[in-house]
PDB file of N, CA and C in Angstrom:
ATOM      1  N   MET A   1     116.421  98.105  95.079  1.00  0.00           N
ATOM      2  CA  MET A   1     115.172  97.606  95.733  1.00  0.00           C
ATOM      3  C   MET A   1     114.445  96.889  94.434  1.00  0.00           C
ATOM      4  N   ASN A   2     113.795  95.822  94.880  1.00  0.00           N
ATOM      5  CA  ASN A   2     113.057  94.906  93.716  1.00  0.00           C
ATOM      6  C   ASN A   2     111.689  95.417  93.595  1.00  0.00           C
ATOM      7  N   ARG A   3     111.038  94.789  92.781  1.00  0.00           N
ATOM      8  CA  ARG A   3     109.677  95.497  92.454  1.00  0.00           C
ATOM      9  C   ARG A   3     108.835  95.379  93.487  1.00  0.00           C
ATOM     10  N   TYR A   4     108.858  94.169  94.389  1.00  0.00           N
ATOM     11  CA  TYR A   4     108.013  93.796  95.562  1.00  0.00           C
ATOM     12  C   TYR A   4     108.433  94.841  96.683  1.00  0.00           C
ATOM     13  N   GLY A   5     109.596  95.263  96.701  1.00  0.00           N
ATOM     14  CA  GLY A   5     110.073  96.154  97.775  1.00  0.00           C
ATOM     15  C   GLY A   5     109.426  97.539  97.535  1.00  0.00           C
ATOM     16  N   LEU A   6     109.371  97.831  96.184  1.00  0.00           N
ATOM     17  CA  LEU A   6     108.807  99.151  95.770  1.00  0.00           C
ATOM     18  C   LEU A   6     107.177  98.971  96.045  1.00  0.00           C
ATOM     19  N   ILE A   7     106.597  97.765  95.938  1.00  0.00           N
ATOM     20  CA  ILE A   7     105.311  97.764  96.283  1.00  0.00           C
ATOM     21  C   ILE A   7     104.935  97.901  97.802  1.00  0.00           C
ATOM     22  N   LEU A   8     105.897  97.523  98.546  1.00  0.00           N
ATOM     23  CA  LEU A   8     105.734  97.355 100.018  1.00  0.00           C
ATOM     24  C   LEU A   8     105.836  98.932 100.289  1.00  0.00           C
ATOM     25  N   LEU A   9     106.747  99.654  99.692  1.00  0.00           N
ATOM     26  CA  LEU A   9     106.870 101.034 100.003  1.00  0.00           C
ATOM     27  C   LEU A   9     105.543 101.964  99.640  1.00  0.00           C
ATOM     28  N   ALA A  10     105.267 101.528  98.385  1.00  0.00           N
ATOM     29  CA  ALA A  10     103.871 102.178  98.043  1.00  0.00           C
ATOM     30  C   ALA A  10     102.642 101.799  98.892  1.00  0.00           C
ATOM     31  N   LEU A  11     102.630 100.514  99.221  1.00  0.00           N
ATOM     32  CA  LEU A  11     101.574 100.196 100.258  1.00  0.00           C
ATOM     33  C   LEU A  11     101.692 101.035 101.612  1.00  0.00           C
ATOM     34  N   THR A  12     102.805 101.072 102.009  1.00  0.00           N
ATOM     35  CA  THR A  12     102.883 101.797 103.343  1.00  0.00           C
ATOM     36  C   THR A  12     102.645 103.153 103.205  1.00  0.00           C
ATOM     37  N   SER A  13     102.794 103.648 101.867  1.00  0.00           N
ATOM     38  CA  SER A  13     102.422 105.136 101.813  1.00  0.00           C
ATOM     39  C   SER A  13     101.015 105.358 101.497  1.00  0.00           C
ATOM     40  N   ALA A  14     100.177 104.302 101.379  1.00  0.00           N
ATOM     41  CA  ALA A  14      98.805 104.514 100.881  1.00  0.00           C
ATOM     42  C   ALA A  14      98.020 105.058 102.053  1.00  0.00           C
ATOM     43  N   THR A  15      98.595 104.976 103.398  1.00  0.00           N
ATOM     44  CA  THR A  15      97.723 105.460 104.429  1.00  0.00           C
ATOM     45  C   THR A  15      98.410 106.523 105.050  1.00  0.00           C
ATOM     46  N   PRO A  16      97.625 107.748 105.273  1.00  0.00           N
ATOM     47  CA  PRO A  16      98.346 108.945 105.695  1.00  0.00           C
ATOM     48  C   PRO A  16      99.346 108.830 107.107  1.00  0.00           C
ATOM     49  N   ALA A  17      98.830 107.976 107.901  1.00  0.00           N
ATOM     50  CA  ALA A  17      99.524 107.775 109.086  1.00  0.00           C
ATOM     51  C   ALA A  17     100.830 107.206 108.937  1.00  0.00           C
ATOM     52  N   LEU A  18     101.003 106.245 107.992  1.00  0.00           N
ATOM     53  CA  LEU A  18     102.275 105.526 107.837  1.00  0.00           C
ATOM     54  C   LEU A  18     103.003 106.380 106.912  1.00  0.00           C
ATOM     55  N   ALA A  19     102.389 107.131 106.052  1.00  0.00           N
ATOM     56  CA  ALA A  19     103.130 107.989 104.986  1.00  0.00           C
ATOM     57  C   ALA A  19     104.123 108.996 105.691  1.00  0.00           C
ATOM     58  N   GLN A  20     103.441 109.474 106.731  1.00  0.00           N
ATOM     59  CA  GLN A  20     104.215 110.477 107.364  1.00  0.00           C
ATOM     60  C   GLN A  20     105.339 110.123 108.352  1.00  0.00           C
ATOM     61  N   GLN A  21     105.491 108.796 108.600  1.00  0.00           N
ATOM     62  CA  GLN A  21     106.509 108.329 109.568  1.00  0.00           C
ATOM     63  C   GLN A  21     107.144 107.340 109.036  1.00  0.00           C
ATOM     64  N   LYS A  22     108.404 107.161 109.486  1.00  0.00           N
ATOM     65  CA  LYS A  22     109.250 106.128 109.042  1.00  0.00           C
ATOM     66  C   LYS A  22     108.931 104.879 109.528  1.00  0.00           C
ATOM     67  N   LEU A  23     108.842 103.669 108.823  1.00  0.00           N
ATOM     68  CA  LEU A  23     108.637 102.318 109.531  1.00  0.00           C
ATOM     69  C   LEU A  23     109.818 101.803 109.993  1.00  0.00           C
ATOM     70  N   THR A  24     109.725 101.076 111.041  1.00  0.00           N
ATOM     71  CA  THR A  24     111.004 100.331 111.478  1.00  0.00           C
ATOM     72  C   THR A  24     111.251  99.066 110.810  1.00  0.00           C
ATOM     73  N   ARG A  25     112.118  98.564 110.724  1.00  0.00           N
ATOM     74  CA  ARG A  25     112.440  97.209 109.938  1.00  0.00           C
ATOM     75  C   ARG A  25     111.558  96.270 110.295  1.00  0.00           C
ATOM     76  N   ASP A  26     110.998  96.029 111.339  1.00  0.00           N
ATOM     77  CA  ASP A  26     110.155  94.816 111.797  1.00  0.00           C
ATOM     78  C   ASP A  26     108.698  95.266 111.215  1.00  0.00           C
ATOM     79  N   GLU A  27     108.387  96.508 111.294  1.00  0.00           N
ATOM     80  CA  GLU A  27     106.962  96.894 110.706  1.00  0.00           C
ATOM     81  C   GLU A  27     107.110  96.572 109.137  1.00  0.00           C
ATOM     82  N   ALA A  28     108.171  97.122 108.438  1.00  0.00           N
ATOM     83  CA  ALA A  28     108.278  96.889 106.999  1.00  0.00           C
ATOM     84  C   ALA A  28     108.202  95.371 106.771  1.00  0.00           C
ATOM     85  N   LEU A  29     108.761  94.613 107.609  1.00  0.00           N
ATOM     86  CA  LEU A  29     108.948  93.116 107.196  1.00  0.00           C
ATOM     87  C   LEU A  29     107.546  92.581 107.456  1.00  0.00           C
ATOM     88  N   ALA A  30     106.690  93.050 108.460  1.00  0.00           N
ATOM     89  CA  ALA A  30     105.473  92.563 108.854  1.00  0.00           C
ATOM     90  C   ALA A  30     104.526  92.880 107.624  1.00  0.00           C
ATOM     91  N   ILE A  31     104.503  93.898 107.035  1.00  0.00           N
ATOM     92  CA  ILE A  31     103.702  94.536 105.908  1.00  0.00           C
ATOM     93  C   ILE A  31     104.230  93.486 104.650  1.00  0.00           C
ATOM     94  N   LYS A  32     105.462  93.488 104.515  1.00  0.00           N
ATOM     95  CA  LYS A  32     105.862  92.487 103.231  1.00  0.00           C
ATOM     96  C   LYS A  32     105.350  91.275 103.407  1.00  0.00           C
ATOM     97  N   ALA A  33     105.473  90.675 104.696  1.00  0.00           N
ATOM     98  CA  ALA A  33     104.879  89.249 104.762  1.00  0.00           C
ATOM     99  C   ALA A  33     103.415  89.073 104.907  1.00  0.00           C
ATOM    100  N   ASN A  34     102.550  90.133 105.095  1.00  0.00           N
ATOM    101  CA  ASN A  34     101.224  89.942 105.192  1.00  0.00           C
ATOM    102  C   ASN A  34     100.443  90.751 104.237  1.00  0.00           C
ATOM    103  N   CYS A  35     100.961  91.662 103.245  1.00  0.00           N
ATOM    104  CA  CYS A  35     100.334  92.387 102.448  1.00  0.00           C
ATOM    105  C   CYS A  35     100.778  92.314 100.774  1.00  0.00           C
ATOM    106  N   THR A  36     101.924  91.770 100.656  1.00  0.00           N
ATOM    107  CA  THR A  36     102.391  91.574  99.395  1.00  0.00           C
ATOM    108  C   THR A  36     101.485  90.844  98.363  1.00  0.00           C
ATOM    109  N   GLN A  37     100.789  89.877  98.827  1.00  0.00           N
ATOM    110  CA  GLN A  37     100.036  88.963  98.071  1.00  0.00           C
ATOM    111  C   GLN A  37      98.635  89.805  97.703  1.00  0.00           C
ATOM    112  N   ASP A  38      98.290  90.526  98.795  1.00  0.00           N
ATOM    113  CA  ASP A  38      96.999  91.491  98.445  1.00  0.00           C
ATOM    114  C   ASP A  38      97.349  92.499  97.309  1.00  0.00           C
ATOM    115  N   VAL A  39      98.520  92.900  97.398  1.00  0.00           N
ATOM    116  CA  VAL A  39      98.859  93.917  96.346  1.00  0.00           C
ATOM    117  C   VAL A  39      98.865  93.263  94.886  1.00  0.00           C
ATOM    118  N   ARG A  40      99.484  92.154  94.987  1.00  0.00           N
ATOM    119  CA  ARG A  40      99.606  91.193  93.645  1.00  0.00           C
ATOM    120  C   ARG A  40      98.135  90.885  93.164  1.00  0.00           C
ATOM    121  N   THR A  41      97.261  90.597  94.069  1.00  0.00           N
ATOM    122  CA  THR A  41      95.900  90.122  93.589  1.00  0.00           C
ATOM    123  C   THR A  41      95.038  91.161  93.350  1.00  0.00           C
ATOM    124  N   LEU A  42      94.958  92.314  94.251  1.00  0.00           N
ATOM    125  CA  LEU A  42      94.166  93.331  93.995  1.00  0.00           C
ATOM    126  C   LEU A  42      94.451  94.323  93.063  1.00  0.00           C
ATOM    127  N   CYS A  43      95.756  94.671  92.789  1.00  0.00           N
ATOM    128  CA  CYS A  43      96.167  95.500  91.948  1.00  0.00           C
ATOM    129  C   CYS A  43      97.199  94.998  90.899  1.00  0.00           C
ATOM    130  N   PRO A  44      96.800  93.975  90.081  1.00  0.00           N
ATOM    131  CA  PRO A  44      97.816  93.397  89.205  1.00  0.00           C
ATOM    132  C   PRO A  44      98.149  94.405  88.295  1.00  0.00           C
ATOM    133  N   GLY A  45      99.320  94.398  87.846  1.00  0.00           N
ATOM    134  CA  GLY A  45      99.820  95.051  86.617  1.00  0.00           C
ATOM    135  C   GLY A  45     100.146  96.704  86.999  1.00  0.00           C
ATOM    136  N   ILE A  46      99.693  97.055  88.329  1.00  0.00           N
ATOM    137  CA  ILE A  46      99.989  98.479  88.528  1.00  0.00           C
ATOM    138  C   ILE A  46     101.310  98.725  89.023  1.00  0.00           C
ATOM    139  N   ARG A  47     102.158  99.617  88.516  1.00  0.00           N
ATOM    140  CA  ARG A  47     103.427  99.658  89.195  1.00  0.00           C
ATOM    141  C   ARG A  47     103.614 100.888  89.903  1.00  0.00           C
ATOM    142  N   PRO A  48     104.320 100.681  91.100  1.00  0.00           N
ATOM    143  CA  PRO A  48     104.478 101.865  91.997  1.00  0.00           C
ATOM    144  C   PRO A  48     105.109 103.169  91.324  1.00  0.00           C
ATOM    145  N   GLY A  49     105.050 104.262  91.796  1.00  0.00           N
ATOM    146  CA  GLY A  49     105.676 105.343  91.323  1.00  0.00           C
ATOM    147  C   GLY A  49     104.925 106.662  90.883  1.00  0.00           C
ATOM    148  N   ASP A  50     103.599 106.452  90.479  1.00  0.00           N
ATOM    149  CA  ASP A  50     102.871 107.510  90.100  1.00  0.00           C
ATOM    150  C   ASP A  50     101.516 107.695  90.779  1.00  0.00           C
ATOM    151  N   GLY A  51     101.379 107.101  91.922  1.00  0.00           N
ATOM    152  CA  GLY A  51     100.203 107.125  92.828  1.00  0.00           C
ATOM    153  C   GLY A  51      99.163 106.296  92.314  1.00  0.00           C
ATOM    154  N   GLU A  52      99.147 105.350  91.325  1.00  0.00           N
ATOM    155  CA  GLU A  52      98.149 104.591  90.942  1.00  0.00           C
ATOM    156  C   GLU A  52      98.054 103.406  91.903  1.00  0.00           C
ATOM    157  N   LEU A  53      99.279 102.963  92.238  1.00  0.00           N
ATOM    158  CA  LEU A  53      98.989 101.671  93.250  1.00  0.00           C
ATOM    159  C   LEU A  53      98.574 102.394  94.556  1.00  0.00           C
ATOM    160  N   MET A  54      98.942 103.391  95.103  1.00  0.00           N
ATOM    161  CA  MET A  54      98.350 103.905  96.362  1.00  0.00           C
ATOM    162  C   MET A  54      96.891 104.009  96.090  1.00  0.00           C
ATOM    163  N   ALA A  55      96.455 104.597  95.148  1.00  0.00           N
ATOM    164  CA  ALA A  55      94.926 104.751  94.870  1.00  0.00           C
ATOM    165  C   ALA A  55      94.306 103.446  94.916  1.00  0.00           C
ATOM    166  N   CYS A  56      94.958 102.547  94.204  1.00  0.00           N
ATOM    167  CA  CYS A  56      94.229 100.995  94.132  1.00  0.00           C
ATOM    168  C   CYS A  56      94.108 100.525  95.547  1.00  0.00           C
ATOM    169  N   ILE A  57      95.220 100.419  96.350  1.00  0.00           N
ATOM    170  CA  ILE A  57      95.143  99.988  97.622  1.00  0.00           C
ATOM    171  C   ILE A  57      94.109 100.510  98.576  1.00  0.00           C
ATOM    172  N   GLN A  58      93.811 101.920  98.332  1.00  0.00           N
ATOM    173  CA  GLN A  58      93.016 102.701  99.094  1.00  0.00           C
ATOM    174  C   GLN A  58      91.474 102.179  98.573  1.00  0.00           C
ATOM    175  N   ALA A  59      91.341 101.952  97.465  1.00  0.00           N
ATOM    176  CA  ALA A  59      89.957 101.663  96.771  1.00  0.00           C
ATOM    177  C   ALA A  59      89.800 100.224  97.177  1.00  0.00           C
ATOM    178  N   GLN A  60      90.798  99.402  97.390  1.00  0.00           N
ATOM    179  CA  GLN A  60      90.524  98.176  97.684  1.00  0.00           C
ATOM    180  C   GLN A  60      90.564  97.695  99.214  1.00  0.00           C
ATOM    181  N   GLU A  61      90.857  98.616  99.963  1.00  0.00           N
ATOM    182  CA  GLU A  61      90.957  98.536 101.466  1.00  0.00           C
ATOM    183  C   GLU A  61      90.033  97.375 102.003  1.00  0.00           C
ATOM    184  N   SER A  62      88.624  97.497 101.804  1.00  0.00           N
ATOM    185  CA  SER A  62      87.655  96.708 102.290  1.00  0.00           C
ATOM    186  C   SER A  62      88.071  95.091 101.858  1.00  0.00           C
ATOM    187  N   GLN A  63      88.885  94.868 101.019  1.00  0.00           N
ATOM    188  CA  GLN A  63      89.036  93.598 100.484  1.00  0.00           C
ATOM    189  C   GLN A  63      90.368  93.064 100.715  1.00  0.00           C
ATOM    190  N   LEU A  64      91.127  93.701 101.511  1.00  0.00           N
ATOM    191  CA  LEU A  64      92.520  93.423 102.053  1.00  0.00           C
ATOM    192  C   LEU A  64      92.190  92.089 102.848  1.00  0.00           C
ATOM    193  N   SER A  65      93.305  91.311 102.935  1.00  0.00           N
ATOM    194  CA  SER A  65      93.220  89.939 103.582  1.00  0.00           C
ATOM    195  C   SER A  65      93.132  90.337 105.181  1.00  0.00           C
ATOM    196  N   GLN A  66      92.538  89.531 106.058  1.00  0.00           N
ATOM    197  CA  GLN A  66      92.817  89.841 107.522  1.00  0.00           C
ATOM    198  C   GLN A  66      94.133  90.019 107.938  1.00  0.00           C
ATOM    199  N   PRO A  67      95.138  89.332 107.530  1.00  0.00           N
ATOM    200  CA  PRO A  67      96.412  89.421 108.050  1.00  0.00           C
ATOM    201  C   PRO A  67      97.092  90.691 107.593  1.00  0.00           C
ATOM    202  N   CYS A  68      96.673  91.258 106.544  1.00  0.00           N
ATOM    203  CA  CYS A  68      97.121  92.682 106.133  1.00  0.00           C
ATOM    204  C   CYS A  68      96.516  93.676 106.770  1.00  0.00           C
ATOM    205  N   THR A  69      95.303  93.651 106.826  1.00  0.00           N
ATOM    206  CA  THR A  69      94.349  94.558 107.801  1.00  0.00           C
ATOM    207  C   THR A  69      94.832  94.582 109.041  1.00  0.00           C
ATOM    208  N   THR A  70      95.121  93.643 109.654  1.00  0.00           N
ATOM    209  CA  THR A  70      95.630  93.438 111.034  1.00  0.00           C
ATOM    210  C   THR A  70      97.037  94.124 111.204  1.00  0.00           C
ATOM    211  N   THR A  71      97.651  93.830 110.394  1.00  0.00           N
ATOM    212  CA  THR A  71      99.132  94.342 110.446  1.00  0.00           C
ATOM    213  C   THR A  71      99.080  95.857 110.243  1.00  0.00           C
ATOM    214  N   LEU A  72      98.429  96.414 109.050  1.00  0.00           N
ATOM    215  CA  LEU A  72      98.392  97.843 108.866  1.00  0.00           C
ATOM    216  C   LEU A  72      97.636  98.465 110.198  1.00  0.00           C
ATOM    217  N   ASP A  73      96.636  97.849 110.727  1.00  0.00           N
ATOM    218  CA  ASP A  73      95.967  98.492 111.733  1.00  0.00           C
ATOM    219  C   ASP A  73      96.834  98.586 112.958  1.00  0.00           C
ATOM    220  N   ALA A  74      97.529  97.665 113.243  1.00  0.00           N
ATOM    221  CA  ALA A  74      98.400  97.629 114.249  1.00  0.00           C
ATOM    222  C   ALA A  74      99.586  98.558 114.312  1.00  0.00           C
ATOM    223  N   ILE A  75     100.182  98.904 113.077  1.00  0.00           N
ATOM    224  CA  ILE A  75     101.244  99.765 112.712  1.00  0.00           C
ATOM    225  C   ILE A  75     100.504 101.156 112.964  1.00  0.00           C
ATOM    226  N   ARG A  76      99.325 101.430 112.434  1.00  0.00           N
ATOM    227  CA  ARG A  76      98.703 102.714 112.457  1.00  0.00           C
ATOM    228  C   ARG A  76      98.544 103.078 114.059  1.00  0.00           C
ATOM    229  N   ALA A  77      98.034 102.021 114.955  1.00  0.00           N
ATOM    230  CA  ALA A  77      97.791 102.411 116.273  1.00  0.00           C
ATOM    231  C   ALA A  77      99.098 102.624 116.934  1.00  0.00           C
ATOM    232  N   ALA A  78     100.137 101.748 116.696  1.00  0.00           N
ATOM    233  CA  ALA A  78     101.492 102.247 117.341  1.00  0.00           C
ATOM    234  C   ALA A  78     101.998 103.504 116.874  1.00  0.00           C
ATOM    235  N   LYS A  79     101.790 103.998 115.613  1.00  0.00           N
ATOM    236  CA  LYS A  79     102.266 105.255 115.200  1.00  0.00           C
ATOM    237  C   LYS A  79     101.331 106.475 115.763  1.00  0.00           C
ATOM    238  N   ALA A  80     100.234 106.128 116.258  1.00  0.00           N
ATOM    239  CA  ALA A  80      99.373 107.036 116.654  1.00  0.00           C
ATOM    240  C   ALA A  80      99.823 107.493 118.197  1.00  0.00           C
ATOM    241  N   GLU A  81     100.171 106.482 118.902  1.00  0.00           N
ATOM    242  CA  GLU A  81     100.609 106.547 120.363  1.00  0.00           C
ATOM    243  C   GLU A  81     101.699 107.772 120.465  1.00  0.00           C
TER     244      GLU A  81
END
């Protein structure tokens, strides 16, 4: 798994609803497509693996792009059903 694949994994783990459930391939691809740039921009230099990236994403949640926010909200809603 490349670095941005790990970022994707850490990003999805940043929200409790998503961390407890396995993502579908389509959900993971949607997050990768819509959120990777947010992670690069808002949390530069933070590497996944020790919880710092998850903490950064949670702290920056209000600054996530609309596509990323919409994607995460849609996945959270689908998982809540």
